PDB file of all heavy atoms in Angstrom:
ATOM      1  N   THR A   1     -16.798 -41.576 107.766  1.00  0.00           N
ATOM      2  CA  THR A   1     -15.936 -40.443 107.442  1.00  0.00           C
ATOM      3  C   THR A   1     -14.555 -40.586 108.070  1.00  0.00           C
ATOM      4  O   THR A   1     -14.362 -41.356 108.995  1.00  0.00           O
ATOM      5  CB  THR A   1     -16.542 -39.108 107.931  1.00  0.00           C
ATOM      6  OG1 THR A   1     -16.645 -39.152 109.363  1.00  0.00           O
ATOM      7  CG2 THR A   1     -17.885 -38.817 107.295  1.00  0.00           C
ATOM      8  N   VAL A   2     -13.642 -39.792 107.560  1.00  0.00           N
ATOM      9  CA  VAL A   2     -12.310 -39.672 108.146  1.00  0.00           C
ATOM     10  C   VAL A   2     -11.979 -38.184 108.205  1.00  0.00           C
ATOM     11  O   VAL A   2     -12.300 -37.434 107.289  1.00  0.00           O
ATOM     12  CB  VAL A   2     -11.238 -40.453 107.345  1.00  0.00           C
ATOM     13  CG1 VAL A   2     -11.168 -39.994 105.903  1.00  0.00           C
ATOM     14  CG2 VAL A   2      -9.875 -40.333 108.011  1.00  0.00           C
ATOM     15  N   THR A   3     -11.376 -37.758 109.320  1.00  0.00           N
ATOM     16  CA  THR A   3     -10.954 -36.370 109.477  1.00  0.00           C
ATOM     17  C   THR A   3      -9.451 -36.332 109.666  1.00  0.00           C
ATOM     18  O   THR A   3      -8.911 -37.028 110.529  1.00  0.00           O
ATOM     19  CB  THR A   3     -11.652 -35.701 110.681  1.00  0.00           C
ATOM     20  OG1 THR A   3     -13.068 -35.740 110.465  1.00  0.00           O
ATOM     21  CG2 THR A   3     -11.198 -34.251 110.842  1.00  0.00           C
ATOM     22  N   TYR A   4      -8.796 -35.529 108.834  1.00  0.00           N
ATOM     23  CA  TYR A   4      -7.353 -35.331 108.923  1.00  0.00           C
ATOM     24  C   TYR A   4      -7.113 -33.969 109.562  1.00  0.00           C
ATOM     25  O   TYR A   4      -7.759 -32.983 109.194  1.00  0.00           O
ATOM     26  CB  TYR A   4      -6.719 -35.356 107.529  1.00  0.00           C
ATOM     27  CG  TYR A   4      -6.945 -36.648 106.794  1.00  0.00           C
ATOM     28  CD1 TYR A   4      -7.912 -36.746 105.795  1.00  0.00           C
ATOM     29  CD2 TYR A   4      -6.188 -37.775 107.088  1.00  0.00           C
ATOM     30  CE1 TYR A   4      -8.115 -37.927 105.105  1.00  0.00           C
ATOM     31  CE2 TYR A   4      -6.388 -38.975 106.408  1.00  0.00           C
ATOM     32  CZ  TYR A   4      -7.351 -39.031 105.414  1.00  0.00           C
ATOM     33  OH  TYR A   4      -7.553 -40.220 104.741  1.00  0.00           O
ATOM     34  N   ARG A   5      -6.182 -33.909 110.517  1.00  0.00           N
ATOM     35  CA  ARG A   5      -5.886 -32.662 111.224  1.00  0.00           C
ATOM     36  C   ARG A   5      -4.372 -32.541 111.387  1.00  0.00           C
ATOM     37  O   ARG A   5      -3.706 -33.488 111.817  1.00  0.00           O
ATOM     38  CB  ARG A   5      -6.547 -32.671 112.590  1.00  0.00           C
ATOM     39  CG  ARG A   5      -6.102 -31.535 113.499  1.00  0.00           C
ATOM     40  CD  ARG A   5      -6.766 -31.582 114.863  1.00  0.00           C
ATOM     41  NE  ARG A   5      -8.181 -31.314 114.667  1.00  0.00           N
ATOM     42  CZ  ARG A   5      -9.158 -31.918 115.326  1.00  0.00           C
ATOM     43  NH1 ARG A   5      -8.892 -32.825 116.241  1.00  0.00           N
ATOM     44  NH2 ARG A   5     -10.415 -31.614 115.098  1.00  0.00           N
ATOM     45  N   LEU A   6      -3.829 -31.374 111.070  1.00  0.00           N
ATOM     46  CA  LEU A   6      -2.427 -31.096 111.346  1.00  0.00           C
ATOM     47  C   LEU A   6      -2.352 -30.581 112.773  1.00  0.00           C
ATOM     48  O   LEU A   6      -2.880 -29.516 113.087  1.00  0.00           O
ATOM     49  CB  LEU A   6      -1.869 -30.060 110.368  1.00  0.00           C
ATOM     50  CG  LEU A   6      -0.416 -29.658 110.601  1.00  0.00           C
ATOM     51  CD1 LEU A   6       0.522 -30.831 110.360  1.00  0.00           C
ATOM     52  CD2 LEU A   6      -0.040 -28.489 109.692  1.00  0.00           C
ATOM     53  N   VAL A   7      -1.723 -31.332 113.648  1.00  0.00           N
ATOM     54  CA  VAL A   7      -1.643 -30.990 115.061  1.00  0.00           C
ATOM     55  C   VAL A   7      -0.488 -30.026 115.310  1.00  0.00           C
ATOM     56  O   VAL A   7      -0.615 -29.072 116.066  1.00  0.00           O
ATOM     57  CB  VAL A   7      -1.494 -32.268 115.923  1.00  0.00           C
ATOM     58  CG1 VAL A   7      -1.308 -31.923 117.391  1.00  0.00           C
ATOM     59  CG2 VAL A   7      -2.691 -33.181 115.723  1.00  0.00           C
ATOM     60  N   GLU A   8       0.647 -30.286 114.658  1.00  0.00           N
ATOM     61  CA  GLU A   8       1.798 -29.391 114.785  1.00  0.00           C
ATOM     62  C   GLU A   8       2.713 -29.575 113.584  1.00  0.00           C
ATOM     63  O   GLU A   8       2.675 -30.590 112.908  1.00  0.00           O
ATOM     64  CB  GLU A   8       2.561 -29.638 116.085  1.00  0.00           C
ATOM     65  CG  GLU A   8       3.197 -30.990 116.203  1.00  0.00           C
ATOM     66  CD  GLU A   8       3.886 -31.207 117.545  1.00  0.00           C
ATOM     67  OE1 GLU A   8       4.101 -30.242 118.292  1.00  0.00           O
ATOM     68  OE2 GLU A   8       4.201 -32.361 117.843  1.00  0.00           O
ATOM     69  N   GLY A   9       3.518 -28.545 113.341  1.00  0.00           N
ATOM     70  CA  GLY A   9       4.464 -28.602 112.238  1.00  0.00           C
ATOM     71  C   GLY A   9       3.978 -27.811 111.036  1.00  0.00           C
ATOM     72  O   GLY A   9       2.957 -27.126 111.076  1.00  0.00           O
ATOM     73  N   GLN A  10       4.742 -27.934 109.968  1.00  0.00           N
ATOM     74  CA  GLN A  10       4.442 -27.229 108.723  1.00  0.00           C
ATOM     75  C   GLN A  10       3.319 -27.927 107.963  1.00  0.00           C
ATOM     76  O   GLN A  10       3.089 -29.129 108.136  1.00  0.00           O
ATOM     77  CB  GLN A  10       5.694 -27.191 107.839  1.00  0.00           C
ATOM     78  CG  GLN A  10       6.864 -26.451 108.456  1.00  0.00           C
ATOM     79  CD  GLN A  10       6.572 -24.966 108.619  1.00  0.00           C
ATOM     80  OE1 GLN A  10       6.017 -24.331 107.723  1.00  0.00           O
ATOM     81  NE2 GLN A  10       6.931 -24.411 109.764  1.00  0.00           N
ATOM     82  N   ALA A  11       2.633 -27.162 107.105  1.00  0.00           N
ATOM     83  CA  ALA A  11       1.604 -27.743 106.240  1.00  0.00           C
ATOM     84  C   ALA A  11       2.213 -28.926 105.487  1.00  0.00           C
ATOM     85  O   ALA A  11       3.409 -28.948 105.187  1.00  0.00           O
ATOM     86  CB  ALA A  11       1.080 -26.700 105.264  1.00  0.00           C
ATOM     87  N   ILE A  12       1.387 -29.900 105.197  1.00  0.00           N
ATOM     88  CA  ILE A  12       1.866 -31.137 104.580  1.00  0.00           C
ATOM     89  C   ILE A  12       0.852 -31.611 103.543  1.00  0.00           C
ATOM     90  O   ILE A  12      -0.353 -31.471 103.733  1.00  0.00           O
ATOM     91  CB  ILE A  12       2.107 -32.210 105.674  1.00  0.00           C
ATOM     92  CG1 ILE A  12       2.724 -33.466 105.099  1.00  0.00           C
ATOM     93  CG2 ILE A  12       0.860 -32.504 106.448  1.00  0.00           C
ATOM     94  CD1 ILE A  12       3.149 -34.482 106.147  1.00  0.00           C
ATOM     95  N   ASP A  13       1.365 -32.127 102.428  1.00  0.00           N
ATOM     96  CA  ASP A  13       0.499 -32.757 101.440  1.00  0.00           C
ATOM     97  C   ASP A  13       0.239 -34.194 101.875  1.00  0.00           C
ATOM     98  O   ASP A  13       1.155 -34.896 102.323  1.00  0.00           O
ATOM     99  CB  ASP A  13       1.154 -32.771 100.055  1.00  0.00           C
ATOM    100  CG  ASP A  13       1.173 -31.399  99.398  1.00  0.00           C
ATOM    101  OD1 ASP A  13       0.300 -30.570  99.727  1.00  0.00           O
ATOM    102  OD2 ASP A  13       2.056 -31.159  98.558  1.00  0.00           O
ATOM    103  N   ILE A  14      -1.012 -34.636 101.748  1.00  0.00           N
ATOM    104  CA  ILE A  14      -1.373 -36.025 102.021  1.00  0.00           C
ATOM    105  C   ILE A  14      -2.256 -36.516 100.882  1.00  0.00           C
ATOM    106  O   ILE A  14      -2.807 -35.713 100.116  1.00  0.00           O
ATOM    107  CB  ILE A  14      -2.103 -36.201 103.375  1.00  0.00           C
ATOM    108  CG1 ILE A  14      -3.438 -35.454 103.382  1.00  0.00           C
ATOM    109  CG2 ILE A  14      -1.231 -35.770 104.535  1.00  0.00           C
ATOM    110  CD1 ILE A  14      -4.317 -35.800 104.571  1.00  0.00           C
ATOM    111  N   LEU A  15      -2.378 -37.818 100.803  1.00  0.00           N
ATOM    112  CA  LEU A  15      -3.285 -38.438  99.841  1.00  0.00           C
ATOM    113  C   LEU A  15      -4.364 -39.198 100.597  1.00  0.00           C
ATOM    114  O   LEU A  15      -4.071 -39.917 101.555  1.00  0.00           O
ATOM    115  CB  LEU A  15      -2.534 -39.425  98.944  1.00  0.00           C
ATOM    116  CG  LEU A  15      -1.569 -38.846  97.929  1.00  0.00           C
ATOM    117  CD1 LEU A  15      -0.650 -39.932  97.402  1.00  0.00           C
ATOM    118  CD2 LEU A  15      -2.330 -38.211  96.792  1.00  0.00           C
ATOM    119  N   HIS A  16      -5.597 -39.012 100.171  1.00  0.00           N
ATOM    120  CA  HIS A  16      -6.727 -39.810 100.656  1.00  0.00           C
ATOM    121  C   HIS A  16      -7.106 -40.672  99.458  1.00  0.00           C
ATOM    122  O   HIS A  16      -7.744 -40.186  98.521  1.00  0.00           O
ATOM    123  CB  HIS A  16      -7.877 -38.891 101.084  1.00  0.00           C
ATOM    124  CG  HIS A  16      -9.120 -39.619 101.479  1.00  0.00           C
ATOM    125  ND1 HIS A  16      -9.234 -40.329 102.649  1.00  0.00           N
ATOM    126  CD2 HIS A  16     -10.316 -39.742 100.857  1.00  0.00           C
ATOM    127  CE1 HIS A  16     -10.444 -40.845 102.737  1.00  0.00           C
ATOM    128  NE2 HIS A  16     -11.122 -40.505 101.652  1.00  0.00           N
ATOM    129  N   GLY A  17      -6.619 -41.911  99.458  1.00  0.00           N
ATOM    130  CA  GLY A  17      -6.737 -42.717  98.244  1.00  0.00           C
ATOM    131  C   GLY A  17      -5.864 -42.087  97.177  1.00  0.00           C
ATOM    132  O   GLY A  17      -4.667 -41.934  97.352  1.00  0.00           O
ATOM    133  N   GLU A  18      -6.477 -41.626  96.103  1.00  0.00           N
ATOM    134  CA  GLU A  18      -5.742 -40.971  95.011  1.00  0.00           C
ATOM    135  C   GLU A  18      -5.866 -39.448  95.080  1.00  0.00           C
ATOM    136  O   GLU A  18      -5.233 -38.747  94.300  1.00  0.00           O
ATOM    137  CB  GLU A  18      -6.273 -41.450  93.654  1.00  0.00           C
ATOM    138  CG  GLU A  18      -6.157 -42.953  93.446  1.00  0.00           C
ATOM    139  CD  GLU A  18      -4.724 -43.428  93.397  1.00  0.00           C
ATOM    140  OE1 GLU A  18      -3.859 -42.698  92.865  1.00  0.00           O
ATOM    141  OE2 GLU A  18      -4.457 -44.538  93.892  1.00  0.00           O
ATOM    142  N   GLU A  19      -6.701 -38.923  95.983  1.00  0.00           N
ATOM    143  CA  GLU A  19      -6.965 -37.479  96.069  1.00  0.00           C
ATOM    144  C   GLU A  19      -5.904 -36.778  96.916  1.00  0.00           C
ATOM    145  O   GLU A  19      -5.760 -37.052  98.104  1.00  0.00           O
ATOM    146  CB  GLU A  19      -8.349 -37.254  96.674  1.00  0.00           C
ATOM    147  CG  GLU A  19      -8.766 -35.805  96.711  1.00  0.00           C
ATOM    148  CD  GLU A  19     -10.140 -35.619  97.326  1.00  0.00           C
ATOM    149  OE1 GLU A  19     -10.855 -36.626  97.551  1.00  0.00           O
ATOM    150  OE2 GLU A  19     -10.493 -34.465  97.581  1.00  0.00           O
ATOM    151  N   LYS A  20      -5.162 -35.874  96.288  1.00  0.00           N
ATOM    152  CA  LYS A  20      -4.108 -35.139  96.990  1.00  0.00           C
ATOM    153  C   LYS A  20      -4.682 -33.850  97.566  1.00  0.00           C
ATOM    154  O   LYS A  20      -5.477 -33.175  96.921  1.00  0.00           O
ATOM    155  CB  LYS A  20      -2.966 -34.814  96.030  1.00  0.00           C
ATOM    156  CG  LYS A  20      -1.738 -34.264  96.726  1.00  0.00           C
ATOM    157  CD  LYS A  20      -0.592 -34.130  95.737  1.00  0.00           C
ATOM    158  CE  LYS A  20       0.682 -33.786  96.459  1.00  0.00           C
ATOM    159  NZ  LYS A  20       1.837 -33.805  95.534  1.00  0.00           N
ATOM    160  N   MET A  21      -4.265 -33.532  98.793  1.00  0.00           N
ATOM    161  CA  MET A  21      -4.727 -32.304  99.437  1.00  0.00           C
ATOM    162  C   MET A  21      -3.630 -31.756 100.325  1.00  0.00           C
ATOM    163  O   MET A  21      -2.722 -32.492 100.728  1.00  0.00           O
ATOM    164  CB  MET A  21      -5.997 -32.556 100.228  1.00  0.00           C
ATOM    165  CG  MET A  21      -5.833 -33.563 101.347  1.00  0.00           C
ATOM    166  SD  MET A  21      -7.368 -34.299 101.842  1.00  0.00           S
ATOM    167  CE  MET A  21      -7.635 -35.396 100.477  1.00  0.00           C
ATOM    168  N   ASN A  22      -3.711 -30.484 100.626  1.00  0.00           N
ATOM    169  CA  ASN A  22      -2.750 -29.842 101.512  1.00  0.00           C
ATOM    170  C   ASN A  22      -3.402 -29.661 102.866  1.00  0.00           C
ATOM    171  O   ASN A  22      -4.467 -29.052 102.976  1.00  0.00           O
ATOM    172  CB  ASN A  22      -2.289 -28.501 100.943  1.00  0.00           C
ATOM    173  CG  ASN A  22      -1.191 -27.898 101.787  1.00  0.00           C
ATOM    174  OD1 ASN A  22      -1.452 -27.124 102.685  1.00  0.00           O
ATOM    175  ND2 ASN A  22       0.041 -28.279 101.494  1.00  0.00           N
ATOM    176  N   LEU A  23      -2.759 -30.194 103.877  1.00  0.00           N
ATOM    177  CA  LEU A  23      -3.278 -30.127 105.237  1.00  0.00           C
ATOM    178  C   LEU A  23      -2.505 -29.061 105.988  1.00  0.00           C
ATOM    179  O   LEU A  23      -1.305 -29.180 106.185  1.00  0.00           O
ATOM    180  CB  LEU A  23      -3.104 -31.496 105.892  1.00  0.00           C
ATOM    181  CG  LEU A  23      -3.749 -31.730 107.243  1.00  0.00           C
ATOM    182  CD1 LEU A  23      -5.250 -31.504 107.164  1.00  0.00           C
ATOM    183  CD2 LEU A  23      -3.458 -33.147 107.706  1.00  0.00           C
ATOM    184  N   GLY A  24      -3.185 -27.975 106.344  1.00  0.00           N
ATOM    185  CA  GLY A  24      -2.562 -26.876 107.063  1.00  0.00           C
ATOM    186  C   GLY A  24      -3.105 -26.770 108.475  1.00  0.00           C
ATOM    187  O   GLY A  24      -4.150 -27.319 108.806  1.00  0.00           O
ATOM    188  N   LYS A  25      -2.387 -26.054 109.309  1.00  0.00           N
ATOM    189  CA  LYS A  25      -2.779 -25.865 110.709  1.00  0.00           C
ATOM    190  C   LYS A  25      -4.156 -25.185 110.763  1.00  0.00           C
ATOM    191  O   LYS A  25      -4.409 -24.217 110.057  1.00  0.00           O
ATOM    192  CB  LYS A  25      -1.736 -24.997 111.418  1.00  0.00           C
ATOM    193  CG  LYS A  25      -1.867 -25.002 112.899  1.00  0.00           C
ATOM    194  CD  LYS A  25      -0.858 -25.929 113.504  1.00  0.00           C
ATOM    195  CE  LYS A  25      -0.836 -25.694 115.003  1.00  0.00           C
ATOM    196  NZ  LYS A  25      -0.016 -26.635 115.658  1.00  0.00           N
ATOM    197  N   GLY A  26      -5.034 -25.702 111.607  1.00  0.00           N
ATOM    198  CA  GLY A  26      -6.367 -25.126 111.787  1.00  0.00           C
ATOM    199  C   GLY A  26      -7.323 -25.409 110.644  1.00  0.00           C
ATOM    200  O   GLY A  26      -8.391 -24.829 110.559  1.00  0.00           O
ATOM    201  N   LYS A  27      -6.950 -26.313 109.745  1.00  0.00           N
ATOM    202  CA  LYS A  27      -7.771 -26.618 108.571  1.00  0.00           C
ATOM    203  C   LYS A  27      -8.048 -28.116 108.532  1.00  0.00           C
ATOM    204  O   LYS A  27      -7.397 -28.864 107.817  1.00  0.00           O
ATOM    205  CB  LYS A  27      -7.020 -26.168 107.307  1.00  0.00           C
ATOM    206  CG  LYS A  27      -7.712 -26.442 106.015  1.00  0.00           C
ATOM    207  CD  LYS A  27      -6.807 -26.023 104.844  1.00  0.00           C
ATOM    208  CE  LYS A  27      -7.131 -26.847 103.616  1.00  0.00           C
ATOM    209  NZ  LYS A  27      -6.146 -26.678 102.560  1.00  0.00           N
ATOM    210  N   ASP A  28      -8.983 -28.580 109.350  1.00  0.00           N
ATOM    211  CA  ASP A  28      -9.350 -29.996 109.341  1.00  0.00           C
ATOM    212  C   ASP A  28     -10.001 -30.341 108.008  1.00  0.00           C
ATOM    213  O   ASP A  28     -10.724 -29.522 107.432  1.00  0.00           O
ATOM    214  CB  ASP A  28     -10.341 -30.311 110.458  1.00  0.00           C
ATOM    215  CG  ASP A  28      -9.741 -30.139 111.844  1.00  0.00           C
ATOM    216  OD1 ASP A  28      -8.552 -29.801 111.948  1.00  0.00           O
ATOM    217  OD2 ASP A  28     -10.480 -30.341 112.821  1.00  0.00           O
ATOM    218  N   ILE A  29      -9.750 -31.531 107.535  1.00  0.00           N
ATOM    219  CA  ILE A  29     -10.363 -32.006 106.298  1.00  0.00           C
ATOM    220  C   ILE A  29     -11.132 -33.276 106.625  1.00  0.00           C
ATOM    221  O   ILE A  29     -10.553 -34.259 107.110  1.00  0.00           O
ATOM    222  CB  ILE A  29      -9.301 -32.285 105.220  1.00  0.00           C
ATOM    223  CG1 ILE A  29      -8.558 -30.999 104.866  1.00  0.00           C
ATOM    224  CG2 ILE A  29      -9.952 -32.897 103.979  1.00  0.00           C
ATOM    225  CD1 ILE A  29      -7.380 -31.206 103.928  1.00  0.00           C
ATOM    226  N   THR A  30     -12.457 -33.259 106.386  1.00  0.00           N
ATOM    227  CA  THR A  30     -13.303 -34.423 106.620  1.00  0.00           C
ATOM    228  C   THR A  30     -13.823 -34.923 105.278  1.00  0.00           C
ATOM    229  O   THR A  30     -14.368 -34.150 104.494  1.00  0.00           O
ATOM    230  CB  THR A  30     -14.477 -34.078 107.555  1.00  0.00           C
ATOM    231  OG1 THR A  30     -13.940 -33.626 108.811  1.00  0.00           O
ATOM    232  CG2 THR A  30     -15.367 -35.295 107.800  1.00  0.00           C
ATOM    233  N   LEU A  31     -13.625 -36.211 105.040  1.00  0.00           N
ATOM    234  CA  LEU A  31     -14.006 -36.830 103.769  1.00  0.00           C
ATOM    235  C   LEU A  31     -14.750 -38.131 104.022  1.00  0.00           C
ATOM    236  O   LEU A  31     -14.636 -38.728 105.097  1.00  0.00           O
ATOM    237  CB  LEU A  31     -12.750 -37.134 102.937  1.00  0.00           C
ATOM    238  CG  LEU A  31     -11.868 -35.934 102.610  1.00  0.00           C
ATOM    239  CD1 LEU A  31     -10.512 -36.406 102.112  1.00  0.00           C
ATOM    240  CD2 LEU A  31     -12.534 -35.052 101.584  1.00  0.00           C
ATOM    241  N   SER A  32     -15.466 -38.597 103.009  1.00  0.00           N
ATOM    242  CA  SER A  32     -16.097 -39.900 103.079  1.00  0.00           C
ATOM    243  C   SER A  32     -15.038 -40.981 102.961  1.00  0.00           C
ATOM    244  O   SER A  32     -14.021 -40.793 102.299  1.00  0.00           O
ATOM    245  CB  SER A  32     -17.082 -40.069 101.923  1.00  0.00           C
ATOM    246  OG  SER A  32     -18.143 -39.153 102.052  1.00  0.00           O
ATOM    247  N   LEU A  33     -15.283 -42.111 103.606  1.00  0.00           N
ATOM    248  CA  LEU A  33     -14.365 -43.235 103.465  1.00  0.00           C
ATOM    249  C   LEU A  33     -14.420 -43.754 102.029  1.00  0.00           C
ATOM    250  O   LEU A  33     -15.452 -43.671 101.373  1.00  0.00           O
ATOM    251  CB  LEU A  33     -14.736 -44.365 104.426  1.00  0.00           C
ATOM    252  CG  LEU A  33     -14.498 -44.104 105.907  1.00  0.00           C
ATOM    253  CD1 LEU A  33     -14.824 -45.357 106.707  1.00  0.00           C
ATOM    254  CD2 LEU A  33     -13.082 -43.678 106.182  1.00  0.00           C
ATOM    255  N   ILE A  34     -13.302 -44.271 101.588  1.00  0.00           N
ATOM    256  CA  ILE A  34     -13.218 -44.875 100.266  1.00  0.00           C
ATOM    257  C   ILE A  34     -13.795 -46.280 100.374  1.00  0.00           C
ATOM    258  O   ILE A  34     -13.384 -47.036 101.259  1.00  0.00           O
ATOM    259  CB  ILE A  34     -11.743 -44.940  99.809  1.00  0.00           C
ATOM    260  CG1 ILE A  34     -11.141 -43.547  99.771  1.00  0.00           C
ATOM    261  CG2 ILE A  34     -11.623 -45.649  98.464  1.00  0.00           C
ATOM    262  CD1 ILE A  34      -9.629 -43.534  99.690  1.00  0.00           C
ATOM    263  N   PRO A  35     -14.765 -46.636  99.511  1.00  0.00           N
ATOM    264  CA  PRO A  35     -15.299 -47.993  99.591  1.00  0.00           C
ATOM    265  C   PRO A  35     -14.174 -49.014  99.513  1.00  0.00           C
ATOM    266  O   PRO A  35     -13.230 -48.856  98.732  1.00  0.00           O
ATOM    267  CB  PRO A  35     -16.217 -48.087  98.369  1.00  0.00           C
ATOM    268  CG  PRO A  35     -16.578 -46.667  98.072  1.00  0.00           C
ATOM    269  CD  PRO A  35     -15.364 -45.857  98.452  1.00  0.00           C
TER     270      PRO A  35
END
């Protein structure tokens, strides 16, 4: 797995492979690794 966390600053869009998501403060995102 991989966990993305916004530590400080404004919410930010990130891509995990081709999957786009919005990373906001206090909202960790945990996903499976891409093969």
